[in-house]
Amino acid sequence: MIRPALTFLLWLAIAALVLVNNMIGDTAMADRLTVLEVEWYKVLVPLPYVLMMAVIHGRRCAGPKWLEAALLAALLWPPTTVLIDFLYGRFTFGMEPVEFLDRFAFWWGAPYPLLVAALFVAPLAVGWLLRANAPRVGGT
């Protein structure tokens, strides 16, 4: 079953965690760690939470339209989270778009694409796993 309101509420929870985590990383952690370590912190901490939200989404949206529900989450969560993250940097630090795009520079070790990929893959993977493990009705 497709539940857009649930998908949106779970995204709000993810966005709130990402923003709070970024604030902690930019204030409490920034003076103790290198820039790259702070970036890894800002990516690794939300990953289990993203997986948990994907599991909640997958269980609540299980059924014949699980793929459509998973696609809705997979297409909503990454771009909107990136937008919220960009707006946080823009309004808090006056970050220019070019500076924000540097977070995607995986060739120098930037981990941010890992978070974006997890936001895309998690709902699809969890939905598929729950579908694969669902009991078969009718003997087929």
N, C-alpha and C. Protein backbone atom coordinates (compact mmCIF):
# COMPACT_ATOMS: atom_id res chain seq x y z
N MET A 1 0.84 -1.17 0.00
CA MET A 1 0.00 0.00 0.00
C MET A 1 0.89 1.24 0.00
N ILE A 2 0.57 2.21 -0.82
CA ILE A 2 1.33 3.45 -0.88
C ILE A 2 0.79 4.40 0.19
N ARG A 3 1.66 4.89 1.02
CA ARG A 3 1.28 5.80 2.10
C ARG A 3 2.16 7.05 2.02
N PRO A 4 1.74 8.04 1.24
CA PRO A 4 2.58 9.24 1.08
C PRO A 4 2.78 10.00 2.39
N ALA A 5 1.76 10.04 3.24
CA ALA A 5 1.91 10.77 4.50
C ALA A 5 2.97 10.11 5.38
N LEU A 6 2.98 8.79 5.43
CA LEU A 6 3.99 8.08 6.20
C LEU A 6 5.37 8.33 5.63
N THR A 7 5.48 8.28 4.31
CA THR A 7 6.76 8.53 3.65
C THR A 7 7.27 9.93 4.01
N PHE A 8 6.38 10.91 3.99
CA PHE A 8 6.76 12.27 4.32
C PHE A 8 7.16 12.41 5.79
N LEU A 9 6.40 11.79 6.69
CA LEU A 9 6.72 11.88 8.12
C LEU A 9 8.06 11.21 8.43
N LEU A 10 8.33 10.08 7.80
CA LEU A 10 9.62 9.43 8.02
C LEU A 10 10.75 10.28 7.46
N TRP A 11 10.51 10.95 6.32
CA TRP A 11 11.52 11.85 5.79
C TRP A 11 11.75 13.02 6.75
N LEU A 12 10.69 13.55 7.35
CA LEU A 12 10.87 14.63 8.33
C LEU A 12 11.75 14.17 9.49
N ALA A 13 11.54 12.94 9.93
CA ALA A 13 12.38 12.41 11.01
C ALA A 13 13.84 12.30 10.57
N ILE A 14 14.05 11.84 9.35
CA ILE A 14 15.42 11.75 8.82
C ILE A 14 16.03 13.14 8.71
N ALA A 15 15.28 14.09 8.17
CA ALA A 15 15.78 15.45 7.99
C ALA A 15 16.12 16.09 9.33
N ALA A 16 15.28 15.87 10.33
CA ALA A 16 15.55 16.43 11.66
C ALA A 16 16.84 15.85 12.24
N LEU A 17 17.02 14.52 12.10
CA LEU A 17 18.24 13.92 12.62
C LEU A 17 19.47 14.43 11.88
N VAL A 18 19.37 14.54 10.56
CA VAL A 18 20.52 15.02 9.77
C VAL A 18 20.88 16.44 10.19
N LEU A 19 19.88 17.29 10.38
CA LEU A 19 20.16 18.68 10.78
C LEU A 19 20.78 18.75 12.17
N VAL A 20 20.21 18.04 13.12
CA VAL A 20 20.77 18.05 14.48
C VAL A 20 22.17 17.46 14.48
N ASN A 21 22.37 16.38 13.74
CA ASN A 21 23.69 15.76 13.65
C ASN A 21 24.70 16.71 13.03
N ASN A 22 24.29 17.44 11.99
CA ASN A 22 25.19 18.42 11.38
C ASN A 22 25.54 19.53 12.36
N MET A 23 24.56 19.97 13.14
CA MET A 23 24.83 21.02 14.14
C MET A 23 25.84 20.53 15.17
N ILE A 24 25.68 19.30 15.61
CA ILE A 24 26.63 18.73 16.58
C ILE A 24 28.01 18.60 15.95
N GLY A 25 28.05 18.10 14.73
CA GLY A 25 29.33 17.95 14.05
C GLY A 25 30.03 19.27 13.79
N ASP A 26 29.24 20.31 13.48
CA ASP A 26 29.83 21.61 13.16
C ASP A 26 30.19 22.42 14.40
N THR A 27 29.66 22.05 15.55
CA THR A 27 29.98 22.81 16.76
C THR A 27 30.85 22.00 17.72
N ALA A 28 30.31 20.93 18.26
CA ALA A 28 31.02 20.17 19.30
C ALA A 28 32.18 19.36 18.75
N MET A 29 32.05 18.87 17.53
CA MET A 29 33.09 17.99 16.98
C MET A 29 34.13 18.74 16.16
N ALA A 30 33.78 19.88 15.61
CA ALA A 30 34.65 20.56 14.65
C ALA A 30 36.00 20.95 15.23
N ASP A 31 36.04 21.32 16.51
CA ASP A 31 37.32 21.75 17.08
C ASP A 31 38.18 20.56 17.54
N ARG A 32 37.62 19.36 17.57
CA ARG A 32 38.36 18.19 18.02
C ARG A 32 38.83 17.29 16.89
N LEU A 33 38.16 17.39 15.74
CA LEU A 33 38.45 16.47 14.64
C LEU A 33 38.86 17.23 13.39
N THR A 34 39.43 16.52 12.45
CA THR A 34 39.75 17.14 11.17
C THR A 34 38.47 17.29 10.36
N VAL A 35 38.54 18.05 9.28
CA VAL A 35 37.37 18.29 8.44
C VAL A 35 36.84 16.98 7.87
N LEU A 36 37.71 16.13 7.40
CA LEU A 36 37.28 14.86 6.83
C LEU A 36 36.64 13.96 7.88
N GLU A 37 37.17 13.95 9.09
CA GLU A 37 36.58 13.16 10.17
C GLU A 37 35.20 13.67 10.53
N VAL A 38 35.02 14.97 10.54
CA VAL A 38 33.68 15.54 10.80
C VAL A 38 32.72 15.14 9.70
N GLU A 39 33.17 15.15 8.46
CA GLU A 39 32.32 14.73 7.34
C GLU A 39 31.90 13.27 7.49
N TRP A 40 32.85 12.42 7.88
CA TRP A 40 32.50 11.02 8.11
C TRP A 40 31.52 10.88 9.26
N TYR A 41 31.71 11.65 10.32
CA TYR A 41 30.76 11.64 11.43
C TYR A 41 29.36 12.02 10.96
N LYS A 42 29.29 13.06 10.14
CA LYS A 42 28.00 13.56 9.67
C LYS A 42 27.30 12.59 8.72
N VAL A 43 28.03 11.62 8.19
CA VAL A 43 27.43 10.61 7.31
C VAL A 43 27.15 9.32 8.06
N LEU A 44 28.09 8.86 8.88
CA LEU A 44 27.95 7.55 9.52
C LEU A 44 26.88 7.52 10.61
N VAL A 45 26.70 8.60 11.33
CA VAL A 45 25.70 8.60 12.40
C VAL A 45 24.27 8.44 11.85
N PRO A 46 23.88 9.12 10.78
CA PRO A 46 22.51 8.95 10.29
C PRO A 46 22.24 7.63 9.56
N LEU A 47 23.25 6.90 9.14
CA LEU A 47 23.02 5.68 8.35
C LEU A 47 22.14 4.64 9.05
N PRO A 48 22.39 4.28 10.32
CA PRO A 48 21.50 3.31 10.97
C PRO A 48 20.07 3.86 11.11
N TYR A 49 19.96 5.14 11.33
CA TYR A 49 18.64 5.77 11.46
C TYR A 49 17.89 5.70 10.12
N VAL A 50 18.59 5.94 9.03
CA VAL A 50 17.98 5.84 7.70
C VAL A 50 17.50 4.41 7.47
N LEU A 51 18.30 3.43 7.85
CA LEU A 51 17.90 2.04 7.70
C LEU A 51 16.67 1.73 8.55
N MET A 52 16.64 2.25 9.77
CA MET A 52 15.48 2.03 10.63
C MET A 52 14.22 2.65 10.02
N MET A 53 14.34 3.86 9.47
CA MET A 53 13.18 4.49 8.83
C MET A 53 12.74 3.70 7.60
N ALA A 54 13.69 3.13 6.88
CA ALA A 54 13.35 2.31 5.71
C ALA A 54 12.63 1.03 6.13
N VAL A 55 13.03 0.45 7.25
CA VAL A 55 12.34 -0.75 7.75
C VAL A 55 10.92 -0.39 8.17
N ILE A 56 10.75 0.70 8.87
CA ILE A 56 9.40 1.14 9.25
C ILE A 56 8.56 1.36 8.00
N HIS A 57 9.14 2.04 7.03
CA HIS A 57 8.43 2.31 5.78
C HIS A 57 8.08 1.01 5.07
N GLY A 58 9.03 0.10 4.97
CA GLY A 58 8.79 -1.16 4.28
C GLY A 58 7.72 -2.01 4.93
N ARG A 59 7.70 -2.03 6.25
CA ARG A 59 6.70 -2.83 6.95
C ARG A 59 5.32 -2.22 6.84
N ARG A 60 5.24 -0.90 6.90
CA ARG A 60 3.94 -0.23 6.82
C ARG A 60 3.39 -0.19 5.39
N CYS A 61 4.26 -0.29 4.42
CA CYS A 61 3.84 -0.20 3.01
C CYS A 61 3.91 -1.54 2.30
N ALA A 62 3.97 -2.61 3.06
CA ALA A 62 4.03 -3.94 2.45
C ALA A 62 2.71 -4.24 1.75
N GLY A 63 2.80 -5.04 0.73
CA GLY A 63 1.59 -5.41 0.00
C GLY A 63 1.84 -5.38 -1.48
N PRO A 64 0.77 -5.41 -2.25
CA PRO A 64 0.95 -5.50 -3.70
C PRO A 64 1.60 -4.26 -4.32
N LYS A 65 1.52 -3.13 -3.70
CA LYS A 65 2.12 -1.91 -4.27
C LYS A 65 3.38 -1.50 -3.51
N TRP A 66 4.11 -2.49 -3.01
CA TRP A 66 5.30 -2.18 -2.23
C TRP A 66 6.36 -1.46 -3.07
N LEU A 67 6.46 -1.83 -4.35
CA LEU A 67 7.48 -1.22 -5.20
C LEU A 67 7.19 0.27 -5.43
N GLU A 68 5.93 0.60 -5.67
CA GLU A 68 5.58 2.01 -5.87
C GLU A 68 5.85 2.82 -4.61
N ALA A 69 5.52 2.23 -3.45
CA ALA A 69 5.78 2.92 -2.18
C ALA A 69 7.28 3.10 -1.95
N ALA A 70 8.05 2.06 -2.25
CA ALA A 70 9.50 2.14 -2.07
C ALA A 70 10.11 3.14 -3.04
N LEU A 71 9.60 3.18 -4.26
CA LEU A 71 10.09 4.17 -5.23
C LEU A 71 9.77 5.59 -4.79
N LEU A 72 8.59 5.78 -4.21
CA LEU A 72 8.24 7.11 -3.71
C LEU A 72 9.25 7.57 -2.67
N ALA A 73 9.57 6.70 -1.72
CA ALA A 73 10.55 7.05 -0.69
C ALA A 73 11.94 7.22 -1.29
N ALA A 74 12.31 6.32 -2.20
CA ALA A 74 13.66 6.37 -2.79
C ALA A 74 13.85 7.62 -3.65
N LEU A 75 12.79 8.13 -4.23
CA LEU A 75 12.90 9.32 -5.06
C LEU A 75 12.65 10.61 -4.27
N LEU A 76 12.01 10.51 -3.11
CA LEU A 76 11.75 11.70 -2.29
C LEU A 76 12.89 11.97 -1.31
N TRP A 77 13.35 10.95 -0.62
CA TRP A 77 14.29 11.15 0.48
C TRP A 77 15.63 11.74 0.07
N PRO A 78 16.34 11.23 -0.94
CA PRO A 78 17.66 11.78 -1.25
C PRO A 78 17.66 13.25 -1.68
N PRO A 79 16.88 13.65 -2.69
CA PRO A 79 17.00 15.05 -3.12
C PRO A 79 16.53 16.05 -2.07
N THR A 80 15.48 15.70 -1.33
CA THR A 80 14.99 16.65 -0.33
C THR A 80 15.94 16.74 0.86
N THR A 81 16.58 15.63 1.21
CA THR A 81 17.56 15.68 2.30
C THR A 81 18.78 16.50 1.87
N VAL A 82 19.21 16.33 0.63
CA VAL A 82 20.32 17.14 0.12
C VAL A 82 19.94 18.61 0.12
N LEU A 83 18.71 18.92 -0.28
CA LEU A 83 18.25 20.31 -0.28
C LEU A 83 18.23 20.90 1.13
N ILE A 84 17.71 20.15 2.08
CA ILE A 84 17.69 20.61 3.48
C ILE A 84 19.12 20.82 3.98
N ASP A 85 20.00 19.91 3.64
CA ASP A 85 21.40 20.01 4.05
C ASP A 85 22.06 21.25 3.43
N PHE A 86 21.77 21.49 2.16
CA PHE A 86 22.30 22.68 1.50
C PHE A 86 21.77 23.95 2.15
N LEU A 87 20.46 23.99 2.43
CA LEU A 87 19.87 25.19 3.05
C LEU A 87 20.44 25.42 4.45
N TYR A 88 20.71 24.35 5.18
CA TYR A 88 21.34 24.48 6.49
C TYR A 88 22.71 25.15 6.34
N GLY A 89 23.51 24.66 5.44
CA GLY A 89 24.84 25.25 5.22
C GLY A 89 24.76 26.67 4.70
N ARG A 90 23.79 26.93 3.85
CA ARG A 90 23.63 28.26 3.27
C ARG A 90 23.23 29.29 4.33
N PHE A 91 22.23 28.95 5.14
CA PHE A 91 21.73 29.90 6.13
C PHE A 91 22.61 29.98 7.37
N THR A 92 23.28 28.90 7.71
CA THR A 92 24.12 28.90 8.91
C THR A 92 25.50 29.50 8.65
N PHE A 93 26.12 29.11 7.55
CA PHE A 93 27.50 29.50 7.29
C PHE A 93 27.66 30.34 6.03
N GLY A 94 26.58 30.62 5.31
CA GLY A 94 26.69 31.36 4.06
C GLY A 94 27.41 30.56 3.00
N MET A 95 27.26 29.25 3.03
CA MET A 95 27.95 28.35 2.11
C MET A 95 27.44 28.57 0.68
N GLU A 96 28.37 28.71 -0.23
CA GLU A 96 28.03 28.85 -1.64
C GLU A 96 27.72 27.47 -2.23
N PRO A 97 26.94 27.41 -3.31
CA PRO A 97 26.64 26.11 -3.92
C PRO A 97 27.89 25.32 -4.32
N VAL A 98 28.93 26.00 -4.77
CA VAL A 98 30.15 25.30 -5.16
C VAL A 98 30.79 24.63 -3.95
N GLU A 99 30.76 25.30 -2.81
CA GLU A 99 31.30 24.70 -1.58
C GLU A 99 30.50 23.46 -1.19
N PHE A 100 29.17 23.56 -1.32
CA PHE A 100 28.34 22.42 -0.97
C PHE A 100 28.61 21.24 -1.91
N LEU A 101 28.79 21.52 -3.17
CA LEU A 101 29.06 20.45 -4.14
C LEU A 101 30.39 19.75 -3.86
N ASP A 102 31.29 20.40 -3.15
CA ASP A 102 32.54 19.76 -2.75
C ASP A 102 32.30 18.56 -1.83
N ARG A 103 31.14 18.54 -1.17
CA ARG A 103 30.82 17.41 -0.31
C ARG A 103 30.62 16.12 -1.11
N PHE A 104 30.39 16.25 -2.42
CA PHE A 104 30.21 15.09 -3.28
C PHE A 104 31.51 14.61 -3.91
N ALA A 105 32.62 15.23 -3.57
CA ALA A 105 33.91 14.91 -4.18
C ALA A 105 34.48 13.64 -3.53
N PHE A 106 33.93 12.50 -3.93
CA PHE A 106 34.34 11.23 -3.33
C PHE A 106 35.80 10.90 -3.63
N TRP A 107 36.38 11.51 -4.67
CA TRP A 107 37.78 11.20 -5.02
C TRP A 107 38.76 11.72 -3.98
N TRP A 108 38.37 12.67 -3.13
CA TRP A 108 39.27 13.08 -2.05
C TRP A 108 38.81 12.51 -0.71
N GLY A 109 37.86 11.58 -0.77
CA GLY A 109 37.44 10.88 0.45
C GLY A 109 36.18 11.41 1.07
N ALA A 110 35.45 12.27 0.38
CA ALA A 110 34.21 12.81 0.93
C ALA A 110 33.15 11.70 0.98
N PRO A 111 32.59 11.46 2.14
CA PRO A 111 31.65 10.35 2.28
C PRO A 111 30.19 10.70 1.98
N TYR A 112 29.89 11.95 1.68
CA TYR A 112 28.50 12.38 1.53
C TYR A 112 27.72 11.57 0.49
N PRO A 113 28.31 11.17 -0.64
CA PRO A 113 27.55 10.33 -1.59
C PRO A 113 27.07 9.02 -0.98
N LEU A 114 27.76 8.52 0.05
CA LEU A 114 27.32 7.32 0.73
C LEU A 114 25.96 7.52 1.40
N LEU A 115 25.76 8.66 2.04
CA LEU A 115 24.48 8.97 2.67
C LEU A 115 23.38 9.10 1.63
N VAL A 116 23.67 9.80 0.54
CA VAL A 116 22.68 9.98 -0.51
C VAL A 116 22.31 8.64 -1.13
N ALA A 117 23.30 7.79 -1.36
CA ALA A 117 23.03 6.46 -1.91
C ALA A 117 22.21 5.61 -0.95
N ALA A 118 22.51 5.70 0.33
CA ALA A 118 21.74 4.94 1.33
C ALA A 118 20.29 5.41 1.37
N LEU A 119 20.08 6.71 1.25
CA LEU A 119 18.71 7.23 1.23
C LEU A 119 17.94 6.71 0.02
N PHE A 120 18.63 6.47 -1.08
CA PHE A 120 17.98 5.94 -2.28
C PHE A 120 17.78 4.43 -2.20
N VAL A 121 18.80 3.70 -1.78
CA VAL A 121 18.77 2.24 -1.83
C VAL A 121 17.99 1.63 -0.67
N ALA A 122 18.04 2.21 0.51
CA ALA A 122 17.44 1.58 1.70
C ALA A 122 15.96 1.26 1.53
N PRO A 123 15.10 2.19 1.09
CA PRO A 123 13.69 1.81 0.97
C PRO A 123 13.45 0.72 -0.07
N LEU A 124 14.20 0.75 -1.15
CA LEU A 124 14.04 -0.28 -2.19
C LEU A 124 14.53 -1.64 -1.69
N ALA A 125 15.68 -1.67 -1.06
CA ALA A 125 16.24 -2.93 -0.57
C ALA A 125 15.37 -3.53 0.53
N VAL A 126 14.95 -2.72 1.47
CA VAL A 126 14.12 -3.23 2.56
C VAL A 126 12.77 -3.71 2.02
N GLY A 127 12.17 -2.95 1.12
CA GLY A 127 10.90 -3.38 0.52
C GLY A 127 11.05 -4.69 -0.22
N TRP A 128 12.13 -4.84 -0.97
CA TRP A 128 12.37 -6.08 -1.70
C TRP A 128 12.61 -7.25 -0.74
N LEU A 129 13.40 -7.01 0.31
CA LEU A 129 13.66 -8.08 1.28
C LEU A 129 12.39 -8.50 2.01
N LEU A 130 11.56 -7.54 2.39
CA LEU A 130 10.31 -7.88 3.05
C LEU A 130 9.38 -8.61 2.10
N ARG A 131 9.39 -8.24 0.84
CA ARG A 131 8.57 -8.92 -0.17
C ARG A 131 9.08 -10.33 -0.40
N ALA A 132 10.39 -10.50 -0.45
CA ALA A 132 10.96 -11.82 -0.68
C ALA A 132 10.70 -12.76 0.49
N ASN A 133 10.60 -12.22 1.69
CA ASN A 133 10.38 -13.04 2.88
C ASN A 133 8.91 -13.17 3.25
N ALA A 134 8.03 -12.54 2.50
CA ALA A 134 6.60 -12.61 2.81
C ALA A 134 6.07 -14.01 2.54
N PRO A 135 5.15 -14.48 3.38
CA PRO A 135 4.57 -15.80 3.13
C PRO A 135 3.74 -15.78 1.84
N ARG A 136 3.85 -16.86 1.09
CA ARG A 136 3.11 -16.98 -0.17
C ARG A 136 1.70 -17.46 0.11
N VAL A 137 0.72 -16.81 -0.52
CA VAL A 137 -0.68 -17.19 -0.35
C VAL A 137 -1.13 -17.88 -1.64
N GLY A 138 -1.81 -18.99 -1.50
CA GLY A 138 -2.34 -19.67 -2.68
C GLY A 138 -1.42 -20.73 -3.24
N GLY A 139 -0.30 -20.99 -2.60
CA GLY A 139 0.57 -22.07 -3.02
C GLY A 139 1.45 -21.76 -4.24
N THR A 140 1.51 -20.52 -4.69
CA THR A 140 2.36 -20.21 -5.84
C THR A 140 3.56 -19.43 -5.44
